[in-house]
Amino acid sequence: PFSEHDSVDHPVSLYAATKKANELMAHTYSHL
């Protein structure tokens, strides 16, 4: 099964890429 601990660096749709980007953006604001 898909685990949060796995890499998610290979999206196959732009929709997926924007959702991955949201996670990265959120982390930046959490950090800063």
Full PDB file with SEQRES, HELIX, SHEET, SSBOND, CRYST1, ORIGX, SCALE, CONECT and MASTER records, all heavy atoms in Angstrom:
SEQRES   1 A   32  PRO PHE SER GLU HIS ASP SER VAL ASP HIS PRO VAL SER          
SEQRES   2 A   32  LEU TYR ALA ALA THR LYS LYS ALA ASN GLU LEU MET ALA          
SEQRES   3 A   32  HIS THR TYR SER HIS LEU                                      
HELIX    1 AA1 LEU A   14  HIS A   31  1                                  18    
CRYST1    1.000    1.000    1.000  90.00  90.00  90.00 P 1           1          
ORIGX1      1.000000  0.000000  0.000000        0.00000                         
ORIGX2      0.000000  1.000000  0.000000        0.00000                         
ORIGX3      0.000000  0.000000  1.000000        0.00000                         
SCALE1      1.000000  0.000000  0.000000        0.00000                         
SCALE2      0.000000  1.000000  0.000000        0.00000                         
SCALE3      0.000000  0.000000  1.000000        0.00000                         
ATOM      1  N   PRO A   1       0.822  -1.209   0.000  1.00  0.00           N  
ATOM      2  CA  PRO A   1       0.000   0.000   0.000  1.00  0.00           C  
ATOM      3  C   PRO A   1       0.856   1.259   0.000  1.00  0.00           C  
ATOM      4  O   PRO A   1       2.011   1.238   0.410  1.00  0.00           O  
ATOM      5  CB  PRO A   1      -0.803  -0.125   1.292  1.00  0.00           C  
ATOM      6  CG  PRO A   1       0.092  -0.910   2.219  1.00  0.00           C  
ATOM      7  CD  PRO A   1       0.798  -1.891   1.326  1.00  0.00           C  
ATOM      8  N   PHE A   2       0.255   2.362  -0.446  1.00  0.00           N  
ATOM      9  CA  PHE A   2       0.957   3.635  -0.469  1.00  0.00           C  
ATOM     10  C   PHE A   2       1.175   4.122   0.965  1.00  0.00           C  
ATOM     11  O   PHE A   2       0.239   4.170   1.763  1.00  0.00           O  
ATOM     12  CB  PHE A   2       0.141   4.693  -1.218  1.00  0.00           C  
ATOM     13  CG  PHE A   2      -0.008   4.425  -2.694  1.00  0.00           C  
ATOM     14  CD1 PHE A   2      -1.135   4.861  -3.377  1.00  0.00           C  
ATOM     15  CD2 PHE A   2       0.973   3.767  -3.414  1.00  0.00           C  
ATOM     16  CE1 PHE A   2      -1.277   4.649  -4.737  1.00  0.00           C  
ATOM     17  CE2 PHE A   2       0.844   3.541  -4.783  1.00  0.00           C  
ATOM     18  CZ  PHE A   2      -0.284   3.977  -5.441  1.00  0.00           C  
ATOM     19  N   SER A   3       2.384   4.503   1.269  1.00  0.00           N  
ATOM     20  CA  SER A   3       2.734   4.998   2.599  1.00  0.00           C  
ATOM     21  C   SER A   3       3.218   6.429   2.524  1.00  0.00           C  
ATOM     22  O   SER A   3       3.925   6.815   1.580  1.00  0.00           O  
ATOM     23  CB  SER A   3       3.833   4.123   3.210  1.00  0.00           C  
ATOM     24  OG  SER A   3       4.375   4.727   4.384  1.00  0.00           O  
ATOM     25  N   GLU A   4       2.870   7.210   3.532  1.00  0.00           N  
ATOM     26  CA  GLU A   4       3.336   8.601   3.607  1.00  0.00           C  
ATOM     27  C   GLU A   4       4.858   8.691   3.689  1.00  0.00           C  
ATOM     28  O   GLU A   4       5.442   9.749   3.420  1.00  0.00           O  
ATOM     29  CB  GLU A   4       2.739   9.309   4.835  1.00  0.00           C  
ATOM     30  CG  GLU A   4       1.236   9.331   4.874  1.00  0.00           C  
ATOM     31  CD  GLU A   4       0.656   8.201   5.712  1.00  0.00           C  
ATOM     32  OE1 GLU A   4       1.287   7.119   5.760  1.00  0.00           O  
ATOM     33  OE2 GLU A   4      -0.411   8.397   6.321  1.00  0.00           O  
ATOM     34  N   HIS A   5       5.493   7.605   4.076  1.00  0.00           N  
ATOM     35  CA  HIS A   5       6.950   7.614   4.225  1.00  0.00           C  
ATOM     36  C   HIS A   5       7.678   7.372   2.904  1.00  0.00           C  
ATOM     37  O   HIS A   5       8.908   7.453   2.851  1.00  0.00           O  
ATOM     38  CB  HIS A   5       7.364   6.565   5.254  1.00  0.00           C  
ATOM     39  CG  HIS A   5       6.651   6.716   6.563  1.00  0.00           C  
ATOM     40  ND1 HIS A   5       6.847   7.788   7.405  1.00  0.00           N  
ATOM     41  CD2 HIS A   5       5.698   5.951   7.170  1.00  0.00           C  
ATOM     42  CE1 HIS A   5       6.067   7.676   8.473  1.00  0.00           C  
ATOM     43  NE2 HIS A   5       5.358   6.563   8.347  1.00  0.00           N  
ATOM     44  N   ASP A   6       6.910   7.060   1.844  1.00  0.00           N  
ATOM     45  CA  ASP A   6       7.505   6.808   0.531  1.00  0.00           C  
ATOM     46  C   ASP A   6       7.679   8.112  -0.242  1.00  0.00           C  
ATOM     47  O   ASP A   6       6.980   9.101  -0.010  1.00  0.00           O  
ATOM     48  CB  ASP A   6       6.610   5.862  -0.283  1.00  0.00           C  
ATOM     49  CG  ASP A   6       6.521   4.473   0.327  1.00  0.00           C  
ATOM     50  OD1 ASP A   6       7.444   4.104   1.069  1.00  0.00           O  
ATOM     51  OD2 ASP A   6       5.524   3.782   0.059  1.00  0.00           O  
ATOM     52  N   SER A   7       8.588   8.085  -1.190  1.00  0.00           N  
ATOM     53  CA  SER A   7       8.786   9.222  -2.084  1.00  0.00           C  
ATOM     54  C   SER A   7       7.578   9.402  -3.000  1.00  0.00           C  
ATOM     55  O   SER A   7       6.971   8.428  -3.435  1.00  0.00           O  
ATOM     56  CB  SER A   7      10.041   9.001  -2.926  1.00  0.00           C  
ATOM     57  OG  SER A   7      10.119   9.949  -3.973  1.00  0.00           O  
ATOM     58  N   VAL A   8       7.243  10.658  -3.274  1.00  0.00           N  
ATOM     59  CA  VAL A   8       6.152  10.959  -4.210  1.00  0.00           C  
ATOM     60  C   VAL A   8       6.650  11.976  -5.242  1.00  0.00           C  
ATOM     61  O   VAL A   8       6.013  13.003  -5.476  1.00  0.00           O  
ATOM     62  CB  VAL A   8       4.879  11.475  -3.486  1.00  0.00           C  
ATOM     63  CG1 VAL A   8       4.210  10.352  -2.727  1.00  0.00           C  
ATOM     64  CG2 VAL A   8       5.206  12.623  -2.535  1.00  0.00           C  
ATOM     65  N   ASP A   9       7.742  11.654  -5.857  1.00  0.00           N  
ATOM     66  CA  ASP A   9       8.398  12.576  -6.779  1.00  0.00           C  
ATOM     67  C   ASP A   9       8.155  12.261  -8.247  1.00  0.00           C  
ATOM     68  O   ASP A   9       8.843  12.795  -9.114  1.00  0.00           O  
ATOM     69  CB  ASP A   9       9.907  12.600  -6.517  1.00  0.00           C  
ATOM     70  CG  ASP A   9      10.255  13.254  -5.184  1.00  0.00           C  
ATOM     71  OD1 ASP A   9       9.443  14.075  -4.713  1.00  0.00           O  
ATOM     72  OD2 ASP A   9      11.302  12.928  -4.610  1.00  0.00           O  
ATOM     73  N   HIS A  10       7.173  11.391  -8.547  1.00  0.00           N  
ATOM     74  CA  HIS A  10       6.927  11.020  -9.936  1.00  0.00           C  
ATOM     75  C   HIS A  10       5.441  11.118 -10.275  1.00  0.00           C  
ATOM     76  O   HIS A  10       4.780  10.119 -10.572  1.00  0.00           O  
ATOM     77  CB  HIS A  10       7.456   9.605 -10.219  1.00  0.00           C  
ATOM     78  CG  HIS A  10       8.928   9.483 -10.021  1.00  0.00           C  
ATOM     79  ND1 HIS A  10       9.493   9.201  -8.790  1.00  0.00           N  
ATOM     80  CD2 HIS A  10       9.960   9.631 -10.886  1.00  0.00           C  
ATOM     81  CE1 HIS A  10      10.810   9.177  -8.917  1.00  0.00           C  
ATOM     82  NE2 HIS A  10      11.117   9.439 -10.171  1.00  0.00           N  
ATOM     83  N   PRO A  11       4.872  12.351 -10.236  1.00  0.00           N  
ATOM     84  CA  PRO A  11       3.455  12.517 -10.586  1.00  0.00           C  
ATOM     85  C   PRO A  11       3.222  12.199 -12.051  1.00  0.00           C  
ATOM     86  O   PRO A  11       4.112  12.371 -12.887  1.00  0.00           O  
ATOM     87  CB  PRO A  11       3.192  13.999 -10.282  1.00  0.00           C  
ATOM     88  CG  PRO A  11       4.535  14.646 -10.396  1.00  0.00           C  
ATOM     89  CD  PRO A  11       5.525  13.629  -9.912  1.00  0.00           C  
ATOM     90  N   VAL A  12       1.996  11.735 -12.359  1.00  0.00           N  
ATOM     91  CA  VAL A  12       1.660  11.403 -13.751  1.00  0.00           C  
ATOM     92  C   VAL A  12       0.516  12.271 -14.281  1.00  0.00           C  
ATOM     93  O   VAL A  12      -0.043  11.989 -15.335  1.00  0.00           O  
ATOM     94  CB  VAL A  12       1.318   9.895 -13.909  1.00  0.00           C  
ATOM     95  CG1 VAL A  12       2.529   9.047 -13.584  1.00  0.00           C  
ATOM     96  CG2 VAL A  12       0.124   9.506 -13.048  1.00  0.00           C  
ATOM     97  N   SER A  13       0.169  13.326 -13.546  1.00  0.00           N  
ATOM     98  CA  SER A  13      -0.809  14.304 -14.027  1.00  0.00           C  
ATOM     99  C   SER A  13      -0.467  15.644 -13.404  1.00  0.00           C  
ATOM    100  O   SER A  13       0.175  15.709 -12.339  1.00  0.00           O  
ATOM    101  CB  SER A  13      -2.238  13.903 -13.644  1.00  0.00           C  
ATOM    102  OG  SER A  13      -2.444  14.043 -12.249  1.00  0.00           O  
ATOM    103  N   LEU A  14      -0.882  16.731 -14.062  1.00  0.00           N  
ATOM    104  CA  LEU A  14      -0.643  18.058 -13.504  1.00  0.00           C  
ATOM    105  C   LEU A  14      -1.404  18.236 -12.192  1.00  0.00           C  
ATOM    106  O   LEU A  14      -0.913  18.892 -11.267  1.00  0.00           O  
ATOM    107  CB  LEU A  14      -1.060  19.142 -14.508  1.00  0.00           C  
ATOM    108  CG  LEU A  14      -0.816  20.574 -14.037  1.00  0.00           C  
ATOM    109  CD1 LEU A  14       0.665  20.833 -13.812  1.00  0.00           C  
ATOM    110  CD2 LEU A  14      -1.387  21.575 -15.031  1.00  0.00           C  
ATOM    111  N   TYR A  15      -2.601  17.647 -12.121  1.00  0.00           N  
ATOM    112  CA  TYR A  15      -3.361  17.703 -10.856  1.00  0.00           C  
ATOM    113  C   TYR A  15      -2.514  17.157  -9.716  1.00  0.00           C  
ATOM    114  O   TYR A  15      -2.378  17.793  -8.656  1.00  0.00           O  
ATOM    115  CB  TYR A  15      -4.656  16.908 -10.994  1.00  0.00           C  
ATOM    116  CG  TYR A  15      -5.385  16.715  -9.692  1.00  0.00           C  
ATOM    117  CD1 TYR A  15      -5.987  17.785  -9.044  1.00  0.00           C  
ATOM    118  CD2 TYR A  15      -5.482  15.453  -9.097  1.00  0.00           C  
ATOM    119  CE1 TYR A  15      -6.650  17.621  -7.838  1.00  0.00           C  
ATOM    120  CE2 TYR A  15      -6.152  15.274  -7.893  1.00  0.00           C  
ATOM    121  CZ  TYR A  15      -6.732  16.358  -7.269  1.00  0.00           C  
ATOM    122  OH  TYR A  15      -7.390  16.182  -6.079  1.00  0.00           O  
ATOM    123  N   ALA A  16      -1.919  15.999  -9.923  1.00  0.00           N  
ATOM    124  CA  ALA A  16      -1.078  15.393  -8.886  1.00  0.00           C  
ATOM    125  C   ALA A  16       0.115  16.284  -8.554  1.00  0.00           C  
ATOM    126  O   ALA A  16       0.492  16.439  -7.388  1.00  0.00           O  
ATOM    127  CB  ALA A  16      -0.594  14.015  -9.341  1.00  0.00           C  
ATOM    128  N   ALA A  17       0.701  16.875  -9.568  1.00  0.00           N  
ATOM    129  CA  ALA A  17       1.860  17.741  -9.348  1.00  0.00           C  
ATOM    130  C   ALA A  17       1.491  18.953  -8.498  1.00  0.00           C  
ATOM    131  O   ALA A  17       2.266  19.386  -7.635  1.00  0.00           O  
ATOM    132  CB  ALA A  17       2.433  18.191 -10.691  1.00  0.00           C  
ATOM    133  N   THR A  18       0.281  19.519  -8.718  1.00  0.00           N  
ATOM    134  CA  THR A  18      -0.125  20.675  -7.910  1.00  0.00           C  
ATOM    135  C   THR A  18      -0.365  20.269  -6.459  1.00  0.00           C  
ATOM    136  O   THR A  18      -0.086  21.046  -5.547  1.00  0.00           O  
ATOM    137  CB  THR A  18      -1.393  21.350  -8.465  1.00  0.00           C  
ATOM    138  OG1 THR A  18      -2.507  20.450  -8.426  1.00  0.00           O  
ATOM    139  CG2 THR A  18      -1.180  21.839  -9.886  1.00  0.00           C  
ATOM    140  N   LYS A  19      -0.858  19.059  -6.246  1.00  0.00           N  
ATOM    141  CA  LYS A  19      -1.088  18.602  -4.865  1.00  0.00           C  
ATOM    142  C   LYS A  19       0.237  18.330  -4.149  1.00  0.00           C  
ATOM    143  O   LYS A  19       0.387  18.628  -2.955  1.00  0.00           O  
ATOM    144  CB  LYS A  19      -1.984  17.365  -4.871  1.00  0.00           C  
ATOM    145  CG  LYS A  19      -3.432  17.661  -5.237  1.00  0.00           C  
ATOM    146  CD  LYS A  19      -4.042  18.663  -4.270  1.00  0.00           C  
ATOM    147  CE  LYS A  19      -5.506  18.931  -4.525  1.00  0.00           C  
ATOM    148  NZ  LYS A  19      -6.078  19.876  -3.546  1.00  0.00           N  
ATOM    149  N   LYS A  20       1.190  17.761  -4.848  1.00  0.00           N  
ATOM    150  CA  LYS A  20       2.527  17.595  -4.279  1.00  0.00           C  
ATOM    151  C   LYS A  20       3.136  18.962  -3.969  1.00  0.00           C  
ATOM    152  O   LYS A  20       3.760  19.167  -2.921  1.00  0.00           O  
ATOM    153  CB  LYS A  20       3.407  16.818  -5.257  1.00  0.00           C  
ATOM    154  CG  LYS A  20       4.899  16.826  -4.937  1.00  0.00           C  
ATOM    155  CD  LYS A  20       5.224  16.184  -3.609  1.00  0.00           C  
ATOM    156  CE  LYS A  20       6.748  16.116  -3.418  1.00  0.00           C  
ATOM    157  NZ  LYS A  20       7.113  15.616  -2.073  1.00  0.00           N  
ATOM    158  N   ALA A  21       2.943  19.910  -4.883  1.00  0.00           N  
ATOM    159  CA  ALA A  21       3.440  21.261  -4.652  1.00  0.00           C  
ATOM    160  C   ALA A  21       2.812  21.877  -3.407  1.00  0.00           C  
ATOM    161  O   ALA A  21       3.481  22.585  -2.641  1.00  0.00           O  
ATOM    162  CB  ALA A  21       3.164  22.140  -5.876  1.00  0.00           C  
ATOM    163  N   ASN A  22       1.523  21.620  -3.193  1.00  0.00           N  
ATOM    164  CA  ASN A  22       0.862  22.133  -1.979  1.00  0.00           C  
ATOM    165  C   ASN A  22       1.550  21.631  -0.721  1.00  0.00           C  
ATOM    166  O   ASN A  22       1.742  22.393   0.241  1.00  0.00           O  
ATOM    167  CB  ASN A  22      -0.607  21.707  -1.954  1.00  0.00           C  
ATOM    168  CG  ASN A  22      -1.485  22.455  -2.937  1.00  0.00           C  
ATOM    169  OD1 ASN A  22      -2.634  22.084  -3.145  1.00  0.00           O  
ATOM    170  ND2 ASN A  22      -0.963  23.492  -3.560  1.00  0.00           N  
ATOM    171  N   GLU A  23       1.929  20.362  -0.709  1.00  0.00           N  
ATOM    172  CA  GLU A  23       2.614  19.810   0.458  1.00  0.00           C  
ATOM    173  C   GLU A  23       3.958  20.504   0.682  1.00  0.00           C  
ATOM    174  O   GLU A  23       4.337  20.808   1.819  1.00  0.00           O  
ATOM    175  CB  GLU A  23       2.803  18.302   0.286  1.00  0.00           C  
ATOM    176  CG  GLU A  23       1.488  17.530   0.244  1.00  0.00           C  
ATOM    177  CD  GLU A  23       1.674  16.034   0.038  1.00  0.00           C  
ATOM    178  OE1 GLU A  23       2.832  15.566  -0.011  1.00  0.00           O  
ATOM    179  OE2 GLU A  23       0.649  15.317  -0.069  1.00  0.00           O  
ATOM    180  N   LEU A  24       4.681  20.760  -0.396  1.00  0.00           N  
ATOM    181  CA  LEU A  24       5.969  21.442  -0.287  1.00  0.00           C  
ATOM    182  C   LEU A  24       5.794  22.887   0.186  1.00  0.00           C  
ATOM    183  O   LEU A  24       6.563  23.388   1.018  1.00  0.00           O  
ATOM    184  CB  LEU A  24       6.682  21.424  -1.636  1.00  0.00           C  
ATOM    185  CG  LEU A  24       7.079  20.051  -2.174  1.00  0.00           C  
ATOM    186  CD1 LEU A  24       7.616  20.180  -3.597  1.00  0.00           C  
ATOM    187  CD2 LEU A  24       8.109  19.393  -1.279  1.00  0.00           C  
ATOM    188  N   MET A  25       4.786  23.555  -0.349  1.00  0.00           N  
ATOM    189  CA  MET A  25       4.516  24.933   0.048  1.00  0.00           C  
ATOM    190  C   MET A  25       4.121  25.004   1.521  1.00  0.00           C  
ATOM    191  O   MET A  25       4.575  25.898   2.260  1.00  0.00           O  
ATOM    192  CB  MET A  25       3.408  25.517  -0.831  1.00  0.00           C  
ATOM    193  CG  MET A  25       3.805  25.660  -2.300  1.00  0.00           C  
ATOM    194  SD  MET A  25       2.371  25.802  -3.414  1.00  0.00           S  
ATOM    195  CE  MET A  25       1.799  27.452  -3.015  1.00  0.00           C  
ATOM    196  N   ALA A  26       3.285  24.065   1.950  1.00  0.00           N  
ATOM    197  CA  ALA A  26       2.865  24.034   3.352  1.00  0.00           C  
ATOM    198  C   ALA A  26       4.070  23.835   4.267  1.00  0.00           C  
ATOM    199  O   ALA A  26       4.193  24.493   5.313  1.00  0.00           O  
ATOM    200  CB  ALA A  26       1.835  22.925   3.564  1.00  0.00           C  
ATOM    201  N   HIS A  27       4.972  22.928   3.869  1.00  0.00           N  
ATOM    202  CA  HIS A  27       6.149  22.694   4.703  1.00  0.00           C  
ATOM    203  C   HIS A  27       6.988  23.959   4.834  1.00  0.00           C  
ATOM    204  O   HIS A  27       7.514  24.268   5.915  1.00  0.00           O  
ATOM    205  CB  HIS A  27       7.018  21.563   4.148  1.00  0.00           C  
ATOM    206  CG  HIS A  27       8.180  21.257   5.041  1.00  0.00           C  
ATOM    207  ND1 HIS A  27       9.392  21.904   4.929  1.00  0.00           N  
ATOM    208  CD2 HIS A  27       8.299  20.405   6.092  1.00  0.00           C  
ATOM    209  CE1 HIS A  27      10.219  21.450   5.860  1.00  0.00           C  
ATOM    210  NE2 HIS A  27       9.575  20.543   6.576  1.00  0.00           N  
ATOM    211  N   THR A  28       7.111  24.708   3.756  1.00  0.00           N  
ATOM    212  CA  THR A  28       7.884  25.950   3.798  1.00  0.00           C  
ATOM    213  C   THR A  28       7.312  26.922   4.823  1.00  0.00           C  
ATOM    214  O   THR A  28       8.058  27.522   5.620  1.00  0.00           O  
ATOM    215  CB  THR A  28       7.898  26.612   2.410  1.00  0.00           C  
ATOM    216  OG1 THR A  28       8.432  25.693   1.457  1.00  0.00           O  
ATOM    217  CG2 THR A  28       8.733  27.878   2.414  1.00  0.00           C  
ATOM    218  N   TYR A  29       5.979  27.063   4.827  1.00  0.00           N  
ATOM    219  CA  TYR A  29       5.351  27.971   5.788  1.00  0.00           C  
ATOM    220  C   TYR A  29       5.430  27.420   7.208  1.00  0.00           C  
ATOM    221  O   TYR A  29       5.566  28.190   8.172  1.00  0.00           O  
ATOM    222  CB  TYR A  29       3.902  28.253   5.383  1.00  0.00           C  
ATOM    223  CG  TYR A  29       3.786  29.397   4.400  1.00  0.00           C  
ATOM    224  CD1 TYR A  29       4.274  29.267   3.100  1.00  0.00           C  
ATOM    225  CD2 TYR A  29       3.220  30.608   4.764  1.00  0.00           C  
ATOM    226  CE1 TYR A  29       4.193  30.308   2.189  1.00  0.00           C  
ATOM    227  CE2 TYR A  29       3.132  31.668   3.866  1.00  0.00           C  
ATOM    228  CZ  TYR A  29       3.625  31.507   2.576  1.00  0.00           C  
ATOM    229  OH  TYR A  29       3.549  32.548   1.689  1.00  0.00           O  
ATOM    230  N   SER A  30       5.352  26.118   7.348  1.00  0.00           N  
ATOM    231  CA  SER A  30       5.522  25.519   8.680  1.00  0.00           C  
ATOM    232  C   SER A  30       6.927  25.787   9.204  1.00  0.00           C  
ATOM    233  O   SER A  30       7.131  26.068  10.388  1.00  0.00           O  
ATOM    234  CB  SER A  30       5.260  24.011   8.617  1.00  0.00           C  
ATOM    235  OG  SER A  30       3.920  23.745   8.315  1.00  0.00           O  
ATOM    236  N   HIS A  31       7.905  25.681   8.310  1.00  0.00           N  
ATOM    237  CA  HIS A  31       9.297  25.882   8.694  1.00  0.00           C  
ATOM    238  C   HIS A  31       9.606  27.351   8.980  1.00  0.00           C  
ATOM    239  O   HIS A  31      10.193  27.688  10.017  1.00  0.00           O  
ATOM    240  CB  HIS A  31      10.217  25.369   7.581  1.00  0.00           C  
ATOM    241  CG  HIS A  31      11.654  25.720   7.781  1.00  0.00           C  
ATOM    242  ND1 HIS A  31      12.461  25.086   8.719  1.00  0.00           N  
ATOM    243  CD2 HIS A  31      12.439  26.654   7.168  1.00  0.00           C  
ATOM    244  CE1 HIS A  31      13.670  25.606   8.675  1.00  0.00           C  
ATOM    245  NE2 HIS A  31      13.687  26.559   7.741  1.00  0.00           N  
ATOM    246  N   LEU A  32       9.211  28.227   8.074  1.00  0.00           N  
ATOM    247  CA  LEU A  32       9.575  29.637   8.206  1.00  0.00           C  
ATOM    248  C   LEU A  32       8.763  30.374   9.263  1.00  0.00           C  
ATOM    249  O   LEU A  32       9.296  31.228   9.990  1.00  0.00           O  
ATOM    250  CB  LEU A  32       9.390  30.344   6.857  1.00  0.00           C  
ATOM    251  CG  LEU A  32      10.365  29.971   5.743  1.00  0.00           C  
ATOM    252  CD1 LEU A  32       9.959  30.661   4.451  1.00  0.00           C  
ATOM    253  CD2 LEU A  32      11.795  30.341   6.123  1.00  0.00           C  
TER     254      LEU A  32                                                      
MASTER        0    0    0    1    0    0    0    6  253    1    0    3          
END                                                                             
